[in-house]
Amino acid sequence: MLTVWGGATSRTLRVHWMLHELGIDYLPRLIGSRTGETQTNEFRRLNPKEKIPVLVDGDLVLTESVAIVTYLGDTYGRDSGLIPKPYSVERARYNEWASFVQMELDAHTLYVLRKHRDLADLYGAAPAAVQTAIDGFNKQVAVAEEALGIRDYLLGSAFTAADLILMTCLDWAEFYGIELSSGFAGYRTRIHQRPAFRSARKLNFSISAGA
């Protein structure tokens, strides 16, 4: 049975959500970040980076949420449509959107807010960096809004893992008090109604996020 380590963050939600979309039974180990649980010897043997999520699939230990989501689709959902087939134009577009969201909406903006606002005691308060991150998020998320103005989902007419990755950032931004454009309203409503999203979100956030 597959095992997923981690819960209570937007990044861990991606993995739980993908598994729920695929209908795969797995063992959730819902440890939080910065709670001491990622510093245990058991966990550090899996991921010396001391980060969640982590997927264990037999002898494979895989980290980084987007890599895990993509692996799950390639390995267990080849006919699901959630991950486009390798060597296709659609796969190139998926890779493009996944990389864009992971870097421009997550690491370069929302995670800057987490570090310099939520975790200011560890990383230092940096009001200018926080405001720059908010401005950067608003600028870059407009690219996704423009794409969704001409199609239902990022890659076309069907939901894919690219939308899963984007939605975790949109919800994360709203949680942080960033006002999202009304252009996302219909898109977010459709995705929030997906049973897999609802069940995965309930599971993922059944524990409190670490400080």
N, C-alpha and C. Protein backbone atom coordinates (compact mmCIF):
# COMPACT_ATOMS: atom_id res chain seq x y z
N MET A 1 0.83 -1.20 0.00
CA MET A 1 0.00 0.00 0.00
C MET A 1 0.87 1.25 0.00
N LEU A 2 0.45 2.25 -0.75
CA LEU A 2 1.15 3.52 -0.77
C LEU A 2 0.97 4.23 0.56
N THR A 3 1.97 5.01 0.94
CA THR A 3 1.91 5.81 2.16
C THR A 3 2.23 7.25 1.81
N VAL A 4 1.44 8.16 2.35
CA VAL A 4 1.70 9.59 2.19
C VAL A 4 1.95 10.20 3.55
N TRP A 5 3.09 10.84 3.69
CA TRP A 5 3.43 11.55 4.91
C TRP A 5 3.12 13.03 4.72
N GLY A 6 2.38 13.58 5.67
CA GLY A 6 2.15 15.01 5.67
C GLY A 6 0.70 15.39 5.55
N GLY A 7 0.38 16.49 6.22
CA GLY A 7 -0.97 17.04 6.14
C GLY A 7 -0.97 18.50 6.56
N ALA A 8 -2.12 19.13 6.39
CA ALA A 8 -2.39 20.48 6.88
C ALA A 8 -1.74 21.60 6.08
N THR A 9 -1.17 21.30 4.91
CA THR A 9 -0.63 22.36 4.07
C THR A 9 -1.22 22.24 2.66
N SER A 10 -1.09 23.31 1.89
CA SER A 10 -1.57 23.27 0.51
C SER A 10 -0.77 22.28 -0.32
N ARG A 11 0.50 22.16 -0.03
CA ARG A 11 1.34 21.24 -0.79
C ARG A 11 0.99 19.78 -0.50
N THR A 12 0.70 19.45 0.75
CA THR A 12 0.29 18.08 1.04
C THR A 12 -1.10 17.78 0.47
N LEU A 13 -1.96 18.80 0.42
CA LEU A 13 -3.29 18.60 -0.16
C LEU A 13 -3.19 18.10 -1.59
N ARG A 14 -2.23 18.61 -2.35
CA ARG A 14 -2.09 18.18 -3.75
C ARG A 14 -1.99 16.67 -3.87
N VAL A 15 -1.20 16.07 -3.00
CA VAL A 15 -0.97 14.62 -3.08
C VAL A 15 -2.21 13.85 -2.65
N HIS A 16 -2.80 14.22 -1.52
CA HIS A 16 -4.02 13.55 -1.06
C HIS A 16 -5.12 13.67 -2.11
N TRP A 17 -5.25 14.87 -2.68
CA TRP A 17 -6.30 15.12 -3.67
C TRP A 17 -6.09 14.24 -4.91
N MET A 18 -4.86 14.15 -5.39
CA MET A 18 -4.59 13.33 -6.57
C MET A 18 -4.95 11.88 -6.32
N LEU A 19 -4.61 11.37 -5.16
CA LEU A 19 -4.93 9.98 -4.84
C LEU A 19 -6.44 9.77 -4.75
N HIS A 20 -7.15 10.76 -4.23
CA HIS A 20 -8.61 10.66 -4.17
C HIS A 20 -9.21 10.72 -5.57
N GLU A 21 -8.66 11.55 -6.44
CA GLU A 21 -9.13 11.59 -7.84
C GLU A 21 -8.94 10.23 -8.51
N LEU A 22 -7.84 9.58 -8.21
CA LEU A 22 -7.53 8.29 -8.83
C LEU A 22 -8.23 7.13 -8.15
N GLY A 23 -8.83 7.38 -6.97
CA GLY A 23 -9.54 6.32 -6.26
C GLY A 23 -8.62 5.25 -5.70
N ILE A 24 -7.42 5.66 -5.27
CA ILE A 24 -6.44 4.70 -4.78
C ILE A 24 -6.46 4.67 -3.25
N ASP A 25 -6.54 3.48 -2.69
CA ASP A 25 -6.41 3.34 -1.24
C ASP A 25 -4.95 3.54 -0.84
N TYR A 26 -4.74 4.24 0.25
CA TYR A 26 -3.37 4.50 0.72
C TYR A 26 -3.41 4.78 2.21
N LEU A 27 -2.22 4.79 2.80
CA LEU A 27 -2.11 5.06 4.23
C LEU A 27 -1.66 6.50 4.43
N PRO A 28 -2.52 7.36 5.02
CA PRO A 28 -2.11 8.74 5.30
C PRO A 28 -1.42 8.84 6.66
N ARG A 29 -0.20 9.35 6.67
CA ARG A 29 0.52 9.64 7.91
C ARG A 29 0.50 11.16 8.06
N LEU A 30 -0.49 11.67 8.76
CA LEU A 30 -0.78 13.11 8.76
C LEU A 30 0.07 13.88 9.77
N ILE A 31 1.36 13.89 9.51
CA ILE A 31 2.24 14.69 10.36
C ILE A 31 2.28 16.12 9.84
N GLY A 32 2.53 17.07 10.74
CA GLY A 32 2.59 18.46 10.36
C GLY A 32 4.01 18.94 10.17
N SER A 33 4.14 20.07 9.49
CA SER A 33 5.45 20.68 9.33
C SER A 33 5.79 21.49 10.58
N ARG A 34 7.06 21.56 10.89
CA ARG A 34 7.56 22.36 12.01
C ARG A 34 6.87 22.01 13.34
N THR A 35 6.56 20.74 13.50
CA THR A 35 5.97 20.26 14.75
C THR A 35 6.96 19.34 15.48
N GLY A 36 8.11 19.13 14.87
CA GLY A 36 9.07 18.17 15.39
C GLY A 36 8.94 16.81 14.73
N GLU A 37 7.81 16.56 14.08
CA GLU A 37 7.57 15.25 13.49
C GLU A 37 8.40 15.01 12.24
N THR A 38 8.84 16.07 11.58
CA THR A 38 9.68 15.90 10.40
C THR A 38 11.16 15.84 10.76
N GLN A 39 11.47 15.96 12.04
CA GLN A 39 12.86 15.89 12.49
C GLN A 39 13.21 14.55 13.16
N THR A 40 12.25 13.63 13.20
CA THR A 40 12.53 12.33 13.81
C THR A 40 13.47 11.52 12.92
N ASN A 41 14.16 10.58 13.50
CA ASN A 41 15.06 9.72 12.72
C ASN A 41 14.30 8.95 11.66
N GLU A 42 13.10 8.49 12.02
CA GLU A 42 12.29 7.72 11.06
C GLU A 42 11.99 8.55 9.83
N PHE A 43 11.56 9.79 10.05
CA PHE A 43 11.20 10.61 8.90
C PHE A 43 12.43 11.07 8.13
N ARG A 44 13.49 11.43 8.82
CA ARG A 44 14.69 11.92 8.13
C ARG A 44 15.33 10.84 7.27
N ARG A 45 15.10 9.58 7.61
CA ARG A 45 15.59 8.52 6.73
C ARG A 45 14.84 8.53 5.40
N LEU A 46 13.59 8.97 5.44
CA LEU A 46 12.81 9.10 4.21
C LEU A 46 13.16 10.37 3.46
N ASN A 47 13.25 11.48 4.20
CA ASN A 47 13.50 12.77 3.56
C ASN A 47 14.41 13.62 4.44
N PRO A 48 15.68 13.61 4.17
CA PRO A 48 16.61 14.42 4.97
C PRO A 48 16.37 15.91 4.83
N LYS A 49 15.55 16.33 3.85
CA LYS A 49 15.19 17.75 3.73
C LYS A 49 14.23 18.18 4.83
N GLU A 50 13.64 17.19 5.53
CA GLU A 50 12.69 17.44 6.63
C GLU A 50 11.47 18.22 6.14
N LYS A 51 10.99 17.85 4.96
CA LYS A 51 9.85 18.53 4.35
C LYS A 51 8.76 17.52 4.02
N ILE A 52 7.52 17.99 4.05
CA ILE A 52 6.38 17.21 3.58
C ILE A 52 5.80 17.91 2.35
N PRO A 53 5.15 17.10 1.48
CA PRO A 53 4.78 15.69 1.57
C PRO A 53 5.89 14.75 1.11
N VAL A 54 5.71 13.48 1.49
CA VAL A 54 6.57 12.39 1.02
C VAL A 54 5.66 11.23 0.64
N LEU A 55 5.92 10.64 -0.51
CA LEU A 55 5.21 9.44 -0.95
C LEU A 55 6.15 8.25 -0.85
N VAL A 56 5.65 7.16 -0.27
CA VAL A 56 6.38 5.90 -0.25
C VAL A 56 5.57 4.88 -1.04
N ASP A 57 6.18 4.37 -2.10
CA ASP A 57 5.53 3.38 -2.96
C ASP A 57 6.50 2.23 -3.15
N GLY A 58 6.40 1.23 -2.30
CA GLY A 58 7.36 0.14 -2.33
C GLY A 58 8.74 0.64 -1.95
N ASP A 59 9.70 0.43 -2.83
CA ASP A 59 11.06 0.89 -2.59
C ASP A 59 11.27 2.35 -2.98
N LEU A 60 10.28 2.94 -3.62
CA LEU A 60 10.41 4.32 -4.07
C LEU A 60 9.98 5.29 -2.97
N VAL A 61 10.85 6.24 -2.66
CA VAL A 61 10.51 7.35 -1.78
C VAL A 61 10.61 8.61 -2.61
N LEU A 62 9.50 9.33 -2.73
CA LEU A 62 9.46 10.49 -3.62
C LEU A 62 9.01 11.72 -2.84
N THR A 63 9.71 12.83 -3.05
CA THR A 63 9.37 14.09 -2.41
C THR A 63 9.02 15.12 -3.47
N GLU A 64 8.55 16.29 -3.03
CA GLU A 64 8.13 17.41 -3.87
C GLU A 64 6.74 17.13 -4.45
N SER A 65 5.80 17.98 -4.09
CA SER A 65 4.38 17.71 -4.35
C SER A 65 4.06 17.55 -5.84
N VAL A 66 4.59 18.42 -6.68
CA VAL A 66 4.27 18.33 -8.10
C VAL A 66 4.88 17.07 -8.72
N ALA A 67 6.08 16.71 -8.29
CA ALA A 67 6.69 15.47 -8.78
C ALA A 67 5.85 14.27 -8.38
N ILE A 68 5.33 14.29 -7.15
CA ILE A 68 4.51 13.17 -6.68
C ILE A 68 3.21 13.08 -7.47
N VAL A 69 2.54 14.22 -7.65
CA VAL A 69 1.28 14.25 -8.40
C VAL A 69 1.49 13.70 -9.81
N THR A 70 2.57 14.13 -10.45
CA THR A 70 2.85 13.68 -11.82
C THR A 70 3.15 12.18 -11.85
N TYR A 71 3.93 11.71 -10.90
CA TYR A 71 4.24 10.28 -10.83
C TYR A 71 2.97 9.45 -10.65
N LEU A 72 2.10 9.90 -9.76
CA LEU A 72 0.87 9.15 -9.51
C LEU A 72 0.02 9.05 -10.77
N GLY A 73 -0.07 10.16 -11.51
CA GLY A 73 -0.85 10.13 -12.74
C GLY A 73 -0.23 9.23 -13.79
N ASP A 74 1.08 9.30 -13.93
CA ASP A 74 1.77 8.47 -14.92
C ASP A 74 1.68 6.99 -14.57
N THR A 75 1.76 6.68 -13.29
CA THR A 75 1.85 5.28 -12.85
C THR A 75 0.50 4.63 -12.64
N TYR A 76 -0.43 5.37 -12.06
CA TYR A 76 -1.71 4.78 -11.67
C TYR A 76 -2.92 5.37 -12.39
N GLY A 77 -2.70 6.37 -13.23
CA GLY A 77 -3.84 7.00 -13.89
C GLY A 77 -3.61 7.26 -15.35
N ARG A 78 -3.02 6.31 -16.03
CA ARG A 78 -2.66 6.53 -17.44
C ARG A 78 -3.86 6.81 -18.33
N ASP A 79 -5.01 6.28 -17.96
CA ASP A 79 -6.21 6.51 -18.77
C ASP A 79 -7.18 7.48 -18.10
N SER A 80 -6.72 8.13 -17.05
CA SER A 80 -7.61 9.03 -16.30
C SER A 80 -7.73 10.41 -16.94
N GLY A 81 -6.74 10.78 -17.75
CA GLY A 81 -6.73 12.12 -18.33
C GLY A 81 -6.19 13.18 -17.40
N LEU A 82 -5.83 12.80 -16.19
CA LEU A 82 -5.36 13.80 -15.23
C LEU A 82 -3.95 14.29 -15.57
N ILE A 83 -3.14 13.43 -16.13
CA ILE A 83 -1.80 13.79 -16.59
C ILE A 83 -1.72 13.43 -18.07
N PRO A 84 -1.41 14.39 -18.94
CA PRO A 84 -1.30 14.06 -20.37
C PRO A 84 -0.19 13.05 -20.63
N LYS A 85 -0.34 12.35 -21.71
CA LYS A 85 0.62 11.30 -22.05
C LYS A 85 2.00 11.91 -22.36
N PRO A 86 3.07 11.21 -21.96
CA PRO A 86 4.42 11.71 -22.25
C PRO A 86 4.65 11.92 -23.74
N TYR A 87 5.56 12.83 -24.05
CA TYR A 87 5.99 13.11 -25.42
C TYR A 87 4.90 13.74 -26.27
N SER A 88 3.89 14.31 -25.63
CA SER A 88 2.82 14.97 -26.37
C SER A 88 2.89 16.49 -26.14
N VAL A 89 2.25 17.23 -27.03
CA VAL A 89 2.15 18.68 -26.86
C VAL A 89 1.41 18.99 -25.57
N GLU A 90 0.37 18.20 -25.28
CA GLU A 90 -0.41 18.43 -24.06
C GLU A 90 0.46 18.25 -22.82
N ARG A 91 1.39 17.27 -22.88
CA ARG A 91 2.27 17.06 -21.73
C ARG A 91 3.21 18.26 -21.56
N ALA A 92 3.68 18.80 -22.66
CA ALA A 92 4.54 19.98 -22.59
C ALA A 92 3.78 21.15 -21.96
N ARG A 93 2.52 21.31 -22.31
CA ARG A 93 1.71 22.38 -21.73
C ARG A 93 1.46 22.12 -20.25
N TYR A 94 1.23 20.86 -19.89
CA TYR A 94 1.08 20.53 -18.47
C TYR A 94 2.34 20.89 -17.70
N ASN A 95 3.49 20.50 -18.23
CA ASN A 95 4.75 20.80 -17.57
C ASN A 95 4.94 22.31 -17.42
N GLU A 96 4.55 23.04 -18.44
CA GLU A 96 4.68 24.50 -18.41
C GLU A 96 3.83 25.10 -17.28
N TRP A 97 2.56 24.70 -17.20
CA TRP A 97 1.68 25.25 -16.17
C TRP A 97 2.10 24.79 -14.78
N ALA A 98 2.47 23.53 -14.65
CA ALA A 98 2.88 23.03 -13.34
C ALA A 98 4.11 23.77 -12.84
N SER A 99 5.06 24.01 -13.72
CA SER A 99 6.27 24.74 -13.34
C SER A 99 5.95 26.19 -12.99
N PHE A 100 5.09 26.80 -13.78
CA PHE A 100 4.70 28.19 -13.54
C PHE A 100 4.04 28.35 -12.18
N VAL A 101 3.06 27.50 -11.90
CA VAL A 101 2.35 27.61 -10.62
C VAL A 101 3.29 27.32 -9.46
N GLN A 102 4.09 26.28 -9.59
CA GLN A 102 5.00 25.88 -8.52
C GLN A 102 5.99 26.99 -8.18
N MET A 103 6.48 27.69 -9.19
CA MET A 103 7.48 28.73 -8.95
C MET A 103 6.85 30.10 -8.71
N GLU A 104 6.05 30.58 -9.64
CA GLU A 104 5.59 31.97 -9.59
C GLU A 104 4.47 32.19 -8.58
N LEU A 105 3.61 31.20 -8.35
CA LEU A 105 2.49 31.39 -7.42
C LEU A 105 2.74 30.76 -6.06
N ASP A 106 3.65 29.83 -5.99
CA ASP A 106 3.95 29.15 -4.73
C ASP A 106 5.27 29.66 -4.16
N ALA A 107 6.38 29.21 -4.70
CA ALA A 107 7.68 29.48 -4.08
C ALA A 107 8.06 30.95 -4.05
N HIS A 108 7.82 31.68 -5.14
CA HIS A 108 8.28 33.06 -5.24
C HIS A 108 7.35 34.08 -4.58
N THR A 109 6.14 33.67 -4.27
CA THR A 109 5.19 34.66 -3.74
C THR A 109 4.52 34.17 -2.46
N LEU A 110 3.68 33.15 -2.53
CA LEU A 110 2.95 32.71 -1.34
C LEU A 110 3.89 32.21 -0.25
N TYR A 111 4.96 31.50 -0.64
CA TYR A 111 5.85 31.00 0.40
C TYR A 111 6.69 32.12 1.01
N VAL A 112 6.90 33.19 0.27
CA VAL A 112 7.56 34.35 0.85
C VAL A 112 6.70 34.95 1.96
N LEU A 113 5.39 34.99 1.74
CA LEU A 113 4.47 35.45 2.78
C LEU A 113 4.56 34.55 4.00
N ARG A 114 4.58 33.25 3.76
CA ARG A 114 4.66 32.32 4.89
C ARG A 114 5.94 32.54 5.68
N LYS A 115 7.06 32.70 5.00
CA LYS A 115 8.33 32.84 5.69
C LYS A 115 8.44 34.16 6.46
N HIS A 116 8.05 35.26 5.83
CA HIS A 116 8.32 36.57 6.41
C HIS A 116 7.11 37.21 7.10
N ARG A 117 6.01 36.45 7.15
CA ARG A 117 4.86 36.91 7.94
C ARG A 117 4.48 35.86 8.97
N ASP A 118 4.12 34.67 8.52
CA ASP A 118 3.75 33.60 9.45
C ASP A 118 4.92 33.13 10.30
N LEU A 119 6.09 33.04 9.67
CA LEU A 119 7.28 32.49 10.35
C LEU A 119 8.34 33.57 10.55
N ALA A 120 7.89 34.79 10.82
CA ALA A 120 8.82 35.90 10.98
C ALA A 120 9.79 35.69 12.13
N ASP A 121 9.37 34.92 13.14
CA ASP A 121 10.28 34.67 14.26
C ASP A 121 11.47 33.82 13.84
N LEU A 122 11.33 33.05 12.75
CA LEU A 122 12.42 32.22 12.25
C LEU A 122 13.21 32.91 11.14
N TYR A 123 12.49 33.58 10.23
CA TYR A 123 13.12 34.11 9.03
C TYR A 123 13.26 35.63 9.04
N GLY A 124 12.63 36.29 10.01
CA GLY A 124 12.71 37.73 10.09
C GLY A 124 11.53 38.40 9.41
N ALA A 125 10.99 39.42 10.06
CA ALA A 125 9.91 40.20 9.46
C ALA A 125 10.48 41.02 8.32
N ALA A 126 9.76 41.04 7.20
CA ALA A 126 10.23 41.77 6.02
C ALA A 126 9.01 42.34 5.29
N PRO A 127 8.45 43.44 5.82
CA PRO A 127 7.23 43.99 5.23
C PRO A 127 7.36 44.31 3.74
N ALA A 128 8.51 44.81 3.32
CA ALA A 128 8.69 45.13 1.90
C ALA A 128 8.64 43.87 1.05
N ALA A 129 9.27 42.79 1.53
CA ALA A 129 9.25 41.53 0.79
C ALA A 129 7.85 40.95 0.73
N VAL A 130 7.09 41.10 1.81
CA VAL A 130 5.71 40.61 1.85
C VAL A 130 4.86 41.35 0.83
N GLN A 131 4.97 42.66 0.79
CA GLN A 131 4.17 43.43 -0.16
C GLN A 131 4.58 43.13 -1.59
N THR A 132 5.88 42.99 -1.81
CA THR A 132 6.36 42.64 -3.16
C THR A 132 5.83 41.27 -3.58
N ALA A 133 5.77 40.34 -2.64
CA ALA A 133 5.24 39.01 -2.94
C ALA A 133 3.76 39.07 -3.30
N ILE A 134 3.00 39.86 -2.56
CA ILE A 134 1.57 40.01 -2.88
C ILE A 134 1.40 40.61 -4.26
N ASP A 135 2.16 41.66 -4.55
CA ASP A 135 2.07 42.30 -5.86
C ASP A 135 2.48 41.31 -6.96
N GLY A 136 3.51 40.53 -6.69
CA GLY A 136 3.97 39.55 -7.67
C GLY A 136 2.94 38.47 -7.92
N PHE A 137 2.30 38.02 -6.84
CA PHE A 137 1.25 37.01 -7.00
C PHE A 137 0.12 37.56 -7.87
N ASN A 138 -0.33 38.76 -7.57
CA ASN A 138 -1.44 39.34 -8.33
C ASN A 138 -1.09 39.50 -9.81
N LYS A 139 0.15 39.87 -10.09
CA LYS A 139 0.57 40.01 -11.49
C LYS A 139 0.58 38.67 -12.19
N GLN A 140 1.16 37.65 -11.56
CA GLN A 140 1.31 36.36 -12.22
C GLN A 140 0.01 35.57 -12.29
N VAL A 141 -0.84 35.69 -11.27
CA VAL A 141 -2.09 34.93 -11.30
C VAL A 141 -3.00 35.45 -12.41
N ALA A 142 -2.80 36.68 -12.84
CA ALA A 142 -3.59 37.23 -13.94
C ALA A 142 -3.34 36.46 -15.24
N VAL A 143 -2.16 35.85 -15.36
CA VAL A 143 -1.85 35.03 -16.54
C VAL A 143 -2.78 33.81 -16.58
N ALA A 144 -2.97 33.19 -15.43
CA ALA A 144 -3.89 32.05 -15.36
C ALA A 144 -5.33 32.50 -15.61
N GLU A 145 -5.70 33.64 -15.07
CA GLU A 145 -7.06 34.14 -15.28
C GLU A 145 -7.32 34.38 -16.76
N GLU A 146 -6.33 34.93 -17.44
CA GLU A 146 -6.48 35.18 -18.88
C GLU A 146 -6.69 33.87 -19.64
N ALA A 147 -5.92 32.86 -19.29
CA ALA A 147 -6.07 31.56 -19.96
C ALA A 147 -7.45 30.97 -19.71
N LEU A 148 -7.94 31.12 -18.49
CA LEU A 148 -9.25 30.55 -18.14
C LEU A 148 -10.40 31.37 -18.70
N GLY A 149 -10.09 32.53 -19.24
CA GLY A 149 -11.12 33.33 -19.89
C GLY A 149 -11.51 32.79 -21.25
N ILE A 150 -10.66 31.92 -21.81
CA ILE A 150 -10.95 31.40 -23.15
C ILE A 150 -11.14 29.88 -23.16
N ARG A 151 -11.00 29.25 -22.00
CA ARG A 151 -11.26 27.80 -21.91
C ARG A 151 -11.66 27.45 -20.48
N ASP A 152 -12.29 26.30 -20.31
CA ASP A 152 -12.83 25.93 -19.00
C ASP A 152 -11.75 25.59 -17.99
N TYR A 153 -10.67 24.97 -18.46
CA TYR A 153 -9.60 24.54 -17.58
C TYR A 153 -8.25 24.92 -18.21
N LEU A 154 -7.18 24.79 -17.47
CA LEU A 154 -5.89 25.27 -17.96
C LEU A 154 -5.46 24.63 -19.27
N LEU A 155 -5.75 23.34 -19.43
CA LEU A 155 -5.31 22.64 -20.64
C LEU A 155 -6.42 22.47 -21.67
N GLY A 156 -7.61 22.97 -21.38
CA GLY A 156 -8.68 22.82 -22.36
C GLY A 156 -10.04 22.64 -21.72
N SER A 157 -10.78 21.64 -22.18
CA SER A 157 -12.16 21.46 -21.73
C SER A 157 -12.29 20.50 -20.55
N ALA A 158 -11.20 19.86 -20.15
CA ALA A 158 -11.27 18.87 -19.07
C ALA A 158 -10.33 19.22 -17.93
N PHE A 159 -10.74 18.88 -16.72
CA PHE A 159 -9.93 19.05 -15.52
C PHE A 159 -8.71 18.15 -15.58
N THR A 160 -7.55 18.70 -15.23
CA THR A 160 -6.31 17.91 -15.14
C THR A 160 -5.59 18.26 -13.85
N ALA A 161 -4.47 17.59 -13.64
CA ALA A 161 -3.67 17.87 -12.45
C ALA A 161 -3.09 19.28 -12.47
N ALA A 162 -3.00 19.90 -13.63
CA ALA A 162 -2.56 21.29 -13.68
C ALA A 162 -3.54 22.18 -12.92
N ASP A 163 -4.84 21.89 -13.05
CA ASP A 163 -5.86 22.64 -12.31
C ASP A 163 -5.78 22.33 -10.82
N LEU A 164 -5.50 21.09 -10.49
CA LEU A 164 -5.35 20.70 -9.08
C LEU A 164 -4.24 21.53 -8.43
N ILE A 165 -3.12 21.65 -9.12
CA ILE A 165 -1.99 22.40 -8.57
C ILE A 165 -2.33 23.88 -8.46
N LEU A 166 -2.96 24.44 -9.47
CA LEU A 166 -3.35 25.85 -9.43
C LEU A 166 -4.34 26.11 -8.30
N MET A 167 -5.34 25.25 -8.14
CA MET A 167 -6.38 25.50 -7.14
C MET A 167 -5.81 25.54 -5.73
N THR A 168 -4.81 24.73 -5.45
CA THR A 168 -4.23 24.77 -4.10
C THR A 168 -3.62 26.14 -3.82
N CYS A 169 -3.09 26.78 -4.85
CA CYS A 169 -2.51 28.12 -4.67
C CYS A 169 -3.59 29.18 -4.60
N LEU A 170 -4.66 29.04 -5.36
CA LEU A 170 -5.75 30.02 -5.28
C LEU A 170 -6.38 30.00 -3.89
N ASP A 171 -6.62 28.82 -3.37
CA ASP A 171 -7.21 28.72 -2.03
C ASP A 171 -6.23 29.19 -0.96
N TRP A 172 -4.96 28.91 -1.16
CA TRP A 172 -3.92 29.37 -0.24
C TRP A 172 -3.90 30.91 -0.21
N ALA A 173 -3.97 31.51 -1.39
CA ALA A 173 -3.96 32.97 -1.47
C ALA A 173 -5.18 33.57 -0.78
N GLU A 174 -6.33 32.98 -0.99
CA GLU A 174 -7.54 33.48 -0.33
C GLU A 174 -7.41 33.37 1.18
N PHE A 175 -6.86 32.27 1.66
CA PHE A 175 -6.63 32.08 3.09
C PHE A 175 -5.72 33.18 3.64
N TYR A 176 -4.78 33.63 2.83
CA TYR A 176 -3.86 34.69 3.23
C TYR A 176 -4.45 36.09 3.07
N GLY A 177 -5.70 36.18 2.64
CA GLY A 177 -6.36 37.47 2.53
C GLY A 177 -6.12 38.19 1.22
N ILE A 178 -5.58 37.50 0.22
CA ILE A 178 -5.40 38.09 -1.10
C ILE A 178 -6.73 38.00 -1.85
N GLU A 179 -7.22 39.12 -2.33
CA GLU A 179 -8.51 39.13 -3.00
C GLU A 179 -8.35 38.63 -4.43
N LEU A 180 -9.01 37.54 -4.75
CA LEU A 180 -8.94 36.96 -6.08
C LEU A 180 -9.96 37.59 -7.00
N SER A 181 -9.60 37.71 -8.25
CA SER A 181 -10.50 38.29 -9.24
C SER A 181 -11.78 37.45 -9.38
N SER A 182 -12.87 38.14 -9.67
CA SER A 182 -14.15 37.44 -9.90
C SER A 182 -14.07 36.52 -11.11
N GLY A 183 -13.04 36.72 -11.95
CA GLY A 183 -12.87 35.87 -13.12
C GLY A 183 -12.59 34.42 -12.76
N PHE A 184 -12.16 34.18 -11.53
CA PHE A 184 -11.90 32.81 -11.08
C PHE A 184 -13.13 32.15 -10.44
N ALA A 185 -14.19 32.90 -10.24
CA ALA A 185 -15.32 32.42 -9.43
C ALA A 185 -15.91 31.12 -9.96
N GLY A 186 -16.29 31.10 -11.23
CA GLY A 186 -16.91 29.91 -11.79
C GLY A 186 -15.98 28.72 -11.81
N TYR A 187 -14.74 28.97 -12.15
CA TYR A 187 -13.72 27.92 -12.19
C TYR A 187 -13.54 27.30 -10.81
N ARG A 188 -13.42 28.13 -9.80
CA ARG A 188 -13.22 27.61 -8.45
C ARG A 188 -14.46 26.87 -7.95
N THR A 189 -15.64 27.36 -8.27
CA THR A 189 -16.86 26.69 -7.84
C THR A 189 -16.94 25.29 -8.43
N ARG A 190 -16.64 25.15 -9.72
CA ARG A 190 -16.69 23.84 -10.37
C ARG A 190 -15.73 22.87 -9.70
N ILE A 191 -14.53 23.34 -9.41
CA ILE A 191 -13.54 22.44 -8.84
C ILE A 191 -13.84 22.12 -7.38
N HIS A 192 -14.31 23.11 -6.65
CA HIS A 192 -14.66 22.86 -5.24
C HIS A 192 -15.77 21.84 -5.09
N GLN A 193 -16.55 21.63 -6.14
CA GLN A 193 -17.65 20.67 -6.08
C GLN A 193 -17.20 19.24 -6.37
N ARG A 194 -15.95 19.07 -6.76
CA ARG A 194 -15.47 17.72 -7.07
C ARG A 194 -15.41 16.90 -5.77
N PRO A 195 -16.01 15.72 -5.75
CA PRO A 195 -15.99 14.90 -4.54
C PRO A 195 -14.58 14.60 -4.05
N ALA A 196 -13.64 14.37 -4.96
CA ALA A 196 -12.27 14.06 -4.55
C ALA A 196 -11.64 15.24 -3.84
N PHE A 197 -11.91 16.45 -4.31
CA PHE A 197 -11.37 17.63 -3.62
C PHE A 197 -11.93 17.72 -2.21
N ARG A 198 -13.23 17.52 -2.08
CA ARG A 198 -13.86 17.67 -0.76
C ARG A 198 -13.35 16.63 0.23
N SER A 199 -13.24 15.39 -0.21
CA SER A 199 -12.80 14.35 0.72
C SER A 199 -11.33 14.51 1.07
N ALA A 200 -10.51 14.88 0.09
CA ALA A 200 -9.09 15.07 0.36
C ALA A 200 -8.85 16.27 1.25
N ARG A 201 -9.58 17.33 1.03
CA ARG A 201 -9.41 18.53 1.85
C ARG A 201 -9.79 18.25 3.31
N LYS A 202 -10.87 17.52 3.49
CA LYS A 202 -11.30 17.19 4.85
C LYS A 202 -10.23 16.38 5.56
N LEU A 203 -9.65 15.42 4.86
CA LEU A 203 -8.60 14.59 5.45
C LEU A 203 -7.35 15.42 5.72
N ASN A 204 -6.91 16.16 4.73
CA ASN A 204 -5.64 16.90 4.82
C ASN A 204 -5.65 17.91 5.96
N PHE A 205 -6.77 18.58 6.15
CA PHE A 205 -6.84 19.62 7.17
C PHE A 205 -7.50 19.15 8.46
N SER A 206 -7.49 17.83 8.65
CA SER A 206 -8.02 17.29 9.91
C SER A 206 -7.01 17.46 11.04
N ILE A 207 -5.79 17.91 10.72
CA ILE A 207 -4.82 18.27 11.73
C ILE A 207 -4.46 19.74 11.53
N SER A 208 -3.92 20.38 12.53
CA SER A 208 -3.54 21.78 12.45
C SER A 208 -2.18 21.90 11.80
N ALA A 209 -2.00 22.98 11.03
CA ALA A 209 -0.72 23.23 10.40
C ALA A 209 0.33 23.55 11.44
N GLY A 210 1.57 23.17 11.17
CA GLY A 210 2.66 23.49 12.08
C GLY A 210 2.99 24.96 12.05
N ALA A 211 3.65 25.44 13.10
CA ALA A 211 3.98 26.85 13.18
C ALA A 211 5.06 27.22 12.18
